[in-house]
Protein backbone atom coordinates (compact mmCIF):
# COMPACT_ATOMS: atom_id res chain seq x y z
CA MET A 1 6.51 -43.00 -11.40
CA PRO A 2 9.23 -40.77 -12.92
CA THR A 3 9.37 -40.77 -16.72
CA ALA A 4 12.30 -42.77 -18.13
CA ILE A 5 14.49 -40.35 -20.07
CA PRO A 6 15.33 -41.70 -23.57
CA ALA A 7 18.96 -41.80 -24.66
CA ASP A 8 18.25 -39.40 -27.53
CA SER A 9 16.67 -36.79 -25.24
CA VAL A 10 18.42 -33.62 -24.10
CA GLY A 11 17.30 -34.74 -20.63
CA LEU A 12 16.15 -32.49 -17.82
CA VAL A 13 16.33 -28.80 -18.66
CA SER A 14 15.73 -25.60 -16.74
CA PRO A 15 14.69 -22.32 -18.34
CA LYS A 16 16.90 -19.25 -18.09
CA VAL A 17 15.74 -15.64 -17.90
CA GLU A 18 17.56 -12.61 -19.28
CA GLN A 19 16.53 -9.12 -18.19
CA PHE A 20 17.00 -6.20 -20.59
CA SER A 21 17.03 -2.55 -19.56
CA GLU A 22 18.05 -1.03 -22.90
CA PRO A 23 14.86 0.36 -24.50
CA LEU A 24 13.54 -1.58 -27.49
CA ALA A 25 11.88 0.57 -30.15
CA LEU A 26 8.98 -1.29 -31.78
CA ALA A 27 7.53 -1.07 -35.28
CA CYS A 28 4.24 0.24 -33.86
CA GLY A 29 6.02 3.39 -32.65
CA ARG A 30 6.07 2.46 -28.97
CA THR A 31 9.04 1.46 -26.82
CA LEU A 32 9.56 -1.29 -24.26
CA HIS A 33 11.91 0.14 -21.66
CA ASP A 34 12.35 -2.98 -19.57
CA TYR A 35 11.59 -6.54 -20.56
CA GLN A 36 12.74 -10.10 -20.10
CA LEU A 37 13.12 -13.11 -22.35
CA ILE A 38 12.87 -16.69 -21.12
CA TYR A 39 14.82 -19.34 -23.01
CA GLU A 40 16.33 -22.80 -22.86
CA THR A 41 19.61 -24.10 -24.24
CA TYR A 42 20.63 -27.62 -25.26
CA GLY A 43 24.12 -28.85 -26.09
CA GLU A 44 27.38 -26.97 -25.66
CA LEU A 45 28.65 -23.81 -27.35
CA ASN A 46 32.00 -24.59 -28.96
CA PRO A 47 35.10 -22.44 -28.30
CA ALA A 48 34.68 -20.64 -31.64
CA ARG A 49 31.02 -19.94 -30.80
CA SER A 50 30.19 -21.08 -34.32
CA ASN A 51 27.74 -23.96 -33.68
CA ALA A 52 24.73 -22.06 -32.31
CA VAL A 53 21.24 -22.73 -33.69
CA LEU A 54 18.23 -20.53 -32.92
CA ILE A 55 14.78 -22.14 -32.76
CA CYS A 56 11.89 -19.77 -33.51
CA HIS A 57 8.47 -20.89 -32.34
CA ALA A 58 5.08 -20.81 -34.02
CA LEU A 59 1.90 -19.04 -32.87
CA SER A 60 1.23 -20.94 -29.64
CA GLY A 61 4.79 -22.17 -29.09
CA HIS A 62 7.25 -21.26 -26.36
CA HIS A 63 10.78 -21.79 -25.12
CA HIS A 64 10.39 -25.43 -24.04
CA ALA A 65 11.27 -27.11 -27.33
CA ALA A 66 13.02 -30.27 -26.11
CA GLY A 67 13.65 -32.45 -23.10
CA LEU A 68 11.77 -32.55 -19.81
CA HIS A 69 11.32 -30.01 -17.06
CA ASP A 70 11.13 -32.66 -14.34
CA PRO A 71 11.12 -36.46 -14.11
CA GLN A 72 7.33 -36.48 -13.72
CA ASP A 73 6.80 -34.94 -17.17
CA ARG A 74 4.77 -37.06 -19.52
CA LYS A 75 5.11 -34.69 -22.46
CA PRO A 76 8.51 -33.40 -23.63
CA GLY A 77 9.19 -30.11 -25.41
CA TRP A 78 7.15 -29.30 -28.49
CA TRP A 79 9.95 -30.18 -30.98
CA ASP A 80 11.58 -32.99 -29.05
CA SER A 81 11.36 -35.24 -32.12
CA CYS A 82 13.82 -32.94 -33.91
CA ILE A 83 16.17 -31.72 -31.15
CA GLY A 84 18.50 -34.01 -29.22
CA PRO A 85 21.51 -36.30 -29.50
CA GLY A 86 21.58 -37.84 -32.98
CA LYS A 87 18.36 -36.11 -34.06
CA ALA A 88 17.92 -33.67 -36.93
CA ILE A 89 19.25 -30.83 -34.77
CA ASP A 90 21.95 -32.87 -33.10
CA THR A 91 22.82 -31.50 -29.67
CA ASN A 92 26.10 -33.43 -29.78
CA ARG A 93 27.10 -31.01 -32.54
CA PHE A 94 24.98 -27.88 -32.02
CA PHE A 95 24.31 -25.44 -29.21
CA VAL A 96 20.57 -24.84 -29.47
CA VAL A 97 18.73 -21.77 -28.15
CA SER A 98 14.93 -21.72 -27.93
CA LEU A 99 13.03 -18.77 -26.50
CA ASN A 100 9.55 -17.48 -25.82
CA ASN A 101 8.92 -14.34 -27.85
CA LEU A 102 8.02 -10.93 -26.49
CA GLY A 103 4.28 -10.77 -25.97
CA GLY A 104 4.20 -14.43 -25.02
CA CYS A 105 2.64 -15.93 -21.92
CA ASN A 106 5.27 -18.45 -20.87
CA GLY A 107 7.78 -16.27 -19.09
CA SER A 108 8.86 -13.55 -21.51
CA THR A 109 7.40 -10.10 -20.97
CA GLY A 110 3.87 -9.98 -22.34
CA PRO A 111 0.30 -8.88 -21.62
CA SER A 112 0.07 -10.94 -18.44
CA SER A 113 3.28 -9.38 -17.07
CA THR A 114 3.21 -6.48 -14.63
CA ASN A 115 3.35 -3.07 -16.24
CA PRO A 116 6.01 -1.19 -14.21
CA GLN A 117 4.19 2.11 -14.79
CA THR A 118 0.92 0.93 -13.23
CA GLY A 119 1.80 -2.05 -11.07
CA ARG A 120 -0.99 -4.00 -12.79
CA PRO A 121 -0.92 -6.51 -15.66
CA TYR A 122 -0.33 -4.90 -19.06
CA GLY A 123 -3.41 -6.55 -20.54
CA ALA A 124 -4.53 -4.65 -23.62
CA ASP A 125 -1.92 -1.95 -22.91
CA PHE A 126 0.90 -4.20 -24.08
CA PRO A 127 2.15 -2.90 -27.44
CA VAL A 128 1.51 -4.74 -30.69
CA VAL A 129 4.69 -6.54 -31.74
CA THR A 130 5.85 -7.73 -35.14
CA VAL A 131 8.13 -10.45 -36.49
CA GLU A 132 10.80 -7.80 -37.01
CA ASP A 133 10.50 -6.74 -33.35
CA TRP A 134 10.96 -10.34 -32.26
CA VAL A 135 14.08 -10.71 -34.38
CA ASN A 136 15.53 -7.51 -32.91
CA SER A 137 14.96 -8.80 -29.38
CA GLN A 138 16.44 -12.19 -30.33
CA ALA A 139 19.55 -10.42 -31.64
CA ARG A 140 19.99 -8.80 -28.24
CA LEU A 141 19.75 -12.20 -26.59
CA ALA A 142 22.40 -13.48 -29.02
CA ASP A 143 24.63 -10.58 -27.96
CA VAL A 144 24.27 -11.56 -24.30
CA LEU A 145 25.15 -15.17 -25.15
CA GLY A 146 28.19 -14.05 -27.14
CA ILE A 147 26.85 -15.43 -30.42
CA GLU A 148 27.96 -13.20 -33.29
CA GLN A 149 26.60 -15.50 -35.99
CA TRP A 150 24.07 -18.35 -35.93
CA ALA A 151 25.03 -21.54 -37.70
CA ALA A 152 21.31 -21.69 -38.50
CA VAL A 153 18.05 -20.02 -37.64
CA VAL A 154 15.26 -22.58 -37.83
CA GLY A 155 11.48 -22.38 -37.55
CA GLY A 156 8.19 -23.77 -38.72
CA SER A 157 5.09 -21.75 -39.65
CA LEU A 158 5.37 -18.36 -37.89
CA GLY A 159 8.82 -19.54 -36.80
CA GLY A 160 9.80 -19.84 -40.45
CA MET A 161 8.81 -16.22 -40.98
CA GLN A 162 11.17 -15.23 -38.17
CA ALA A 163 13.97 -17.27 -39.74
CA LEU A 164 13.45 -15.45 -43.04
CA GLN A 165 13.37 -12.07 -41.28
CA TRP A 166 16.69 -12.81 -39.61
CA THR A 167 18.36 -13.12 -43.03
CA MET A 168 17.06 -9.67 -43.96
CA SER A 169 17.47 -7.81 -40.66
CA TYR A 170 20.88 -9.28 -39.75
CA PRO A 171 22.25 -10.87 -42.93
CA GLU A 172 25.80 -11.16 -41.63
CA ARG A 173 24.66 -13.04 -38.51
CA VAL A 174 23.01 -16.06 -40.21
CA ARG A 175 24.84 -18.78 -42.15
CA HIS A 176 21.81 -20.97 -42.83
CA CYS A 177 18.05 -20.42 -42.74
CA VAL A 178 15.63 -23.34 -42.44
CA ALA A 179 12.01 -22.30 -43.09
CA ILE A 180 9.46 -25.09 -42.75
CA ALA A 181 5.75 -24.96 -43.65
CA SER A 182 5.95 -21.20 -43.90
CA ALA A 183 4.98 -18.35 -46.23
CA PRO A 184 6.27 -14.93 -47.36
CA LYS A 185 2.99 -13.36 -46.19
CA LEU A 186 -0.52 -14.45 -45.28
CA SER A 187 -3.23 -14.90 -47.86
CA ALA A 188 -6.55 -13.09 -47.47
CA GLN A 189 -8.10 -16.38 -46.34
CA ASN A 190 -5.51 -16.78 -43.58
CA ILE A 191 -6.04 -13.22 -42.39
CA ALA A 192 -9.77 -13.95 -42.37
CA PHE A 193 -9.32 -17.01 -40.14
CA ASN A 194 -7.22 -14.94 -37.75
CA GLU A 195 -9.88 -12.23 -37.63
CA VAL A 196 -12.62 -14.75 -36.80
CA ALA A 197 -10.43 -16.05 -33.97
CA ARG A 198 -9.80 -12.54 -32.65
CA GLN A 199 -13.47 -11.62 -32.78
CA ALA A 200 -14.31 -14.75 -30.79
CA ILE A 201 -12.01 -13.45 -28.03
CA LEU A 202 -12.97 -9.78 -28.28
CA SER A 203 -16.69 -10.54 -28.07
CA ASP A 204 -16.39 -12.71 -24.96
CA PRO A 205 -18.12 -10.87 -22.06
CA GLU A 206 -15.22 -11.86 -19.82
CA PHE A 207 -12.64 -10.13 -22.02
CA HIS A 208 -13.19 -6.73 -20.33
CA GLY A 209 -11.34 -4.79 -23.00
CA GLY A 210 -8.26 -6.95 -22.48
CA HIS A 211 -8.02 -6.27 -18.73
CA PHE A 212 -9.67 -9.50 -17.61
CA LEU A 213 -6.86 -10.43 -15.19
CA GLU A 214 -7.75 -7.40 -13.06
CA GLN A 215 -11.28 -8.80 -12.87
CA ASN A 216 -9.95 -12.25 -11.87
CA VAL A 217 -11.63 -13.84 -14.87
CA ILE A 218 -10.54 -15.40 -18.17
CA PRO A 219 -12.35 -15.09 -21.54
CA ARG A 220 -12.33 -18.85 -21.66
CA ARG A 221 -15.14 -19.32 -24.15
CA GLY A 222 -13.72 -16.85 -26.66
CA LEU A 223 -10.25 -18.33 -26.43
CA MET A 224 -11.70 -21.82 -26.75
CA LEU A 225 -13.55 -20.88 -29.93
CA ALA A 226 -10.46 -19.16 -31.33
CA ARG A 227 -8.41 -22.29 -30.79
CA MET A 228 -11.08 -24.51 -32.31
CA VAL A 229 -11.11 -22.39 -35.48
CA GLY A 230 -7.32 -22.37 -35.63
CA HIS A 231 -6.99 -26.07 -34.97
CA ILE A 232 -9.23 -26.93 -37.91
CA THR A 233 -6.82 -25.08 -40.20
CA TYR A 234 -3.80 -26.97 -38.86
CA LEU A 235 -5.20 -30.34 -39.96
CA SER A 236 -6.00 -31.67 -43.42
CA ASP A 237 -9.40 -32.97 -44.48
CA ASP A 238 -7.85 -36.41 -44.96
CA ALA A 239 -6.30 -36.39 -41.50
CA MET A 240 -9.56 -35.43 -39.85
CA GLY A 241 -11.47 -37.96 -41.93
CA THR A 242 -9.08 -40.76 -41.07
CA LYS A 243 -9.03 -39.90 -37.37
CA PHE A 244 -12.74 -39.19 -36.85
CA GLY A 245 -14.83 -39.63 -40.00
CA ARG A 246 -18.45 -39.19 -39.01
CA GLY A 247 -18.00 -41.29 -35.91
CA LEU A 248 -20.52 -40.72 -33.12
CA LYS A 249 -19.88 -40.61 -29.39
CA SER A 250 -22.94 -42.79 -28.81
CA GLU A 251 -25.26 -44.97 -30.89
CA LYS A 252 -28.09 -42.46 -31.21
CA LEU A 253 -28.59 -38.80 -32.06
CA ASN A 254 -29.87 -36.39 -29.42
CA TYR A 255 -31.54 -33.86 -31.77
CA ASP A 256 -30.31 -30.82 -29.83
CA PHE A 257 -27.59 -28.18 -30.08
CA ASN A 258 -25.73 -28.67 -26.81
CA SER A 259 -24.78 -32.34 -26.86
CA VAL A 260 -21.40 -33.51 -28.11
CA GLU A 261 -22.49 -36.10 -30.66
CA PHE A 262 -19.67 -36.48 -33.19
CA GLN A 263 -16.17 -37.54 -32.20
CA VAL A 264 -14.67 -34.59 -34.04
CA GLU A 265 -16.83 -32.25 -31.92
CA SER A 266 -15.48 -33.87 -28.77
CA TYR A 267 -11.92 -33.51 -30.03
CA LEU A 268 -12.27 -29.82 -30.89
CA ARG A 269 -13.92 -29.01 -27.57
CA TYR A 270 -11.17 -30.80 -25.69
CA GLN A 271 -8.49 -28.93 -27.64
CA GLY A 272 -10.22 -25.61 -27.02
CA GLU A 273 -10.76 -26.22 -23.32
CA GLU A 274 -7.20 -27.40 -22.76
CA PHE A 275 -5.76 -24.43 -24.65
CA SER A 276 -7.92 -21.88 -22.81
CA SER A 277 -6.58 -23.13 -19.48
CA ARG A 278 -2.93 -22.39 -20.35
CA PHE A 279 -2.77 -19.59 -22.92
CA ASP A 280 -3.32 -15.86 -22.57
CA ALA A 281 -6.06 -14.31 -24.73
CA ASN A 282 -4.14 -11.08 -25.30
CA THR A 283 -1.10 -13.07 -26.41
CA TYR A 284 -3.28 -14.89 -28.94
CA LEU A 285 -4.40 -11.53 -30.34
CA LEU A 286 -0.80 -10.32 -30.58
CA MET A 287 0.50 -13.46 -32.25
CA THR A 288 -2.19 -13.48 -34.93
CA LYS A 289 -1.55 -9.81 -35.69
CA ALA A 290 2.17 -10.50 -36.07
CA LEU A 291 1.23 -13.16 -38.61
CA ASP A 292 -1.05 -10.76 -40.47
CA TYR A 293 1.53 -7.96 -40.60
CA PHE A 294 4.46 -10.02 -41.88
CA ASP A 295 5.14 -8.97 -45.47
CA PRO A 296 8.82 -8.16 -46.11
CA ALA A 297 8.19 -7.55 -49.81
CA ALA A 298 5.82 -4.65 -49.06
CA ALA A 299 8.73 -2.24 -48.56
CA HIS A 300 10.16 -3.28 -51.93
CA ASP A 301 7.18 -2.73 -54.25
CA ASP A 302 6.02 -6.30 -53.53
CA ASP A 303 9.28 -7.67 -54.89
CA LEU A 304 10.22 -10.53 -52.56
CA ALA A 305 13.43 -11.22 -54.45
CA GLN A 306 14.52 -7.63 -53.80
CA ALA A 307 13.67 -7.97 -50.11
CA LEU A 308 15.77 -11.14 -49.86
CA SER A 309 18.64 -9.78 -51.94
CA VAL A 310 20.50 -8.64 -48.81
CA ALA A 311 20.60 -12.16 -47.38
CA GLN A 312 23.97 -13.88 -47.09
CA ALA A 313 22.67 -17.21 -45.79
CA ASP A 314 22.04 -20.48 -47.58
CA PHE A 315 18.43 -21.62 -47.39
CA CYS A 316 16.52 -24.83 -46.86
CA VAL A 317 12.77 -24.62 -47.48
CA MET A 318 10.37 -27.48 -46.75
CA SER A 319 6.62 -27.85 -47.22
CA PHE A 320 3.95 -30.55 -46.87
CA THR A 321 1.54 -31.63 -49.60
CA THR A 322 -1.69 -31.43 -47.55
CA ASP A 323 -0.87 -28.19 -45.74
CA TRP A 324 -3.58 -25.82 -46.92
CA ARG A 325 -2.87 -23.18 -44.27
CA PHE A 326 0.63 -22.56 -45.66
CA SER A 327 0.43 -24.57 -48.85
CA PRO A 328 3.47 -25.72 -50.87
CA GLU A 329 2.69 -22.94 -53.35
CA ARG A 330 3.64 -20.41 -50.67
CA SER A 331 7.00 -22.12 -50.20
CA HIS A 332 7.43 -22.08 -53.97
CA GLU A 333 7.11 -18.28 -53.81
CA ILE A 334 9.98 -18.14 -51.32
CA VAL A 335 12.14 -20.50 -53.39
CA ASP A 336 11.45 -18.64 -56.64
CA ALA A 337 12.34 -15.32 -55.01
CA LEU A 338 15.57 -16.75 -53.58
CA MET A 339 16.53 -18.14 -56.97
CA ALA A 340 15.77 -14.78 -58.59
CA ALA A 341 18.00 -13.16 -55.96
CA ARG A 342 20.72 -15.73 -56.81
CA LYS A 343 20.79 -17.29 -53.35
CA ASN A 344 21.68 -20.89 -52.58
CA VAL A 345 18.46 -22.74 -51.76
CA CYS A 346 17.32 -26.34 -51.54
CA TYR A 347 13.66 -27.31 -51.43
CA LEU A 348 11.77 -30.41 -50.37
CA GLU A 349 8.03 -31.03 -50.59
CA ILE A 350 7.09 -33.89 -48.27
CA ASP A 351 4.10 -36.08 -49.06
CA ALA A 352 2.26 -36.16 -45.73
CA PRO A 353 -1.43 -36.43 -44.85
CA GLN A 354 -1.28 -34.48 -41.56
CA GLY A 355 -1.71 -30.94 -42.91
CA HIS A 356 0.04 -27.90 -41.45
CA ASP A 357 0.88 -29.65 -38.18
CA ALA A 358 3.09 -32.08 -40.11
CA PHE A 359 6.15 -29.99 -39.27
CA LEU A 360 5.71 -31.04 -35.62
CA ILE A 361 5.36 -34.75 -36.43
CA PRO A 362 8.28 -37.22 -36.79
CA ILE A 363 7.62 -38.17 -40.41
CA PRO A 364 10.57 -40.35 -41.54
CA ARG A 365 11.31 -38.63 -44.89
CA TYR A 366 11.00 -35.21 -43.27
CA LEU A 367 13.37 -36.10 -40.43
CA GLN A 368 15.83 -37.73 -42.83
CA ALA A 369 16.00 -34.64 -45.03
CA PHE A 370 16.13 -32.29 -42.05
CA ARG A 371 18.95 -34.29 -40.46
CA GLY A 372 20.85 -34.45 -43.76
CA TYR A 373 20.81 -30.69 -44.18
CA MET A 374 21.77 -29.95 -40.59
CA ASN A 375 24.60 -32.51 -40.66
CA ARG A 376 25.98 -30.80 -43.73
CA ILE A 377 26.25 -27.45 -41.97
CA ALA A 378 27.65 -28.74 -38.67
CA VAL A 379 31.11 -27.35 -37.92
């Protein structure tokens, strides 16, 4: 049976693809000569082209942020709770653009795309990309769409880093920046988690130096383990305890190492297996490196306020109490730096037990605050 489309949904959407032939110089020193970006739009661009909002995705996100791709869909876009008529990002008032970043595996040029120089998948030959590279490519997409200035650039987690970078790379093109559950740079612990995830992939016998697609295989086990490690960091101890506790799958223990005995084991294996069937291993490596490399203060003697001093936008920063991956203290660093740079900033810390993934969950106080800020900036 077709899924009934709710009244507050953007409805059925189709992705769009934009091809770019102007070379894009990357931070790593390499150049992409031809590439494409896949994106979706929701709502209508007003005559003044002043109501556009850019959605920047997190590590495993993509362009499908809201609505349904077909009536058979059971699961809408990843941020459907926040984007749509009457929602926090109200598509009756805003023209929303959501894209899949370069290096992704959902339609934008990335490691699984064909390398025009070889006729084979890029694989490990795809260049390492950074948050700054993504923002530069997003600016080119904005040019194509005729958007000289975003009403807001919005993102959670890695998406929040992109929103912050926009205010530094293109200060005159952003009126508002909304950074949710984000950080000005990764801690050593976060870099360590990313490295464990990468090593799980790199050590998989089916990885083949990143050229596994040419061997018609997938490093499924490595990608599964990487996702399991990552997923643990996205949840809080309380959330996992409430959901699983020490619950067993059956009434007795098996006293071996292969059986799935605890419910939390079953959950993690399911998450890993599902993720490994739809995500590219090389993309996972690229995304985690982009996270590791983001540090805008590094070019300013570790002075984040100096890095943000060029920004012309107003800022909204939100964090969640049980998020230990990007804890509220990291958002405090952003807010303190913005205040030191004499920028307009509002901050909200939401009491939520879900951990880092809270920014994806329709928590009433979060949605109320988010909607209130976005309504204030609507033109």
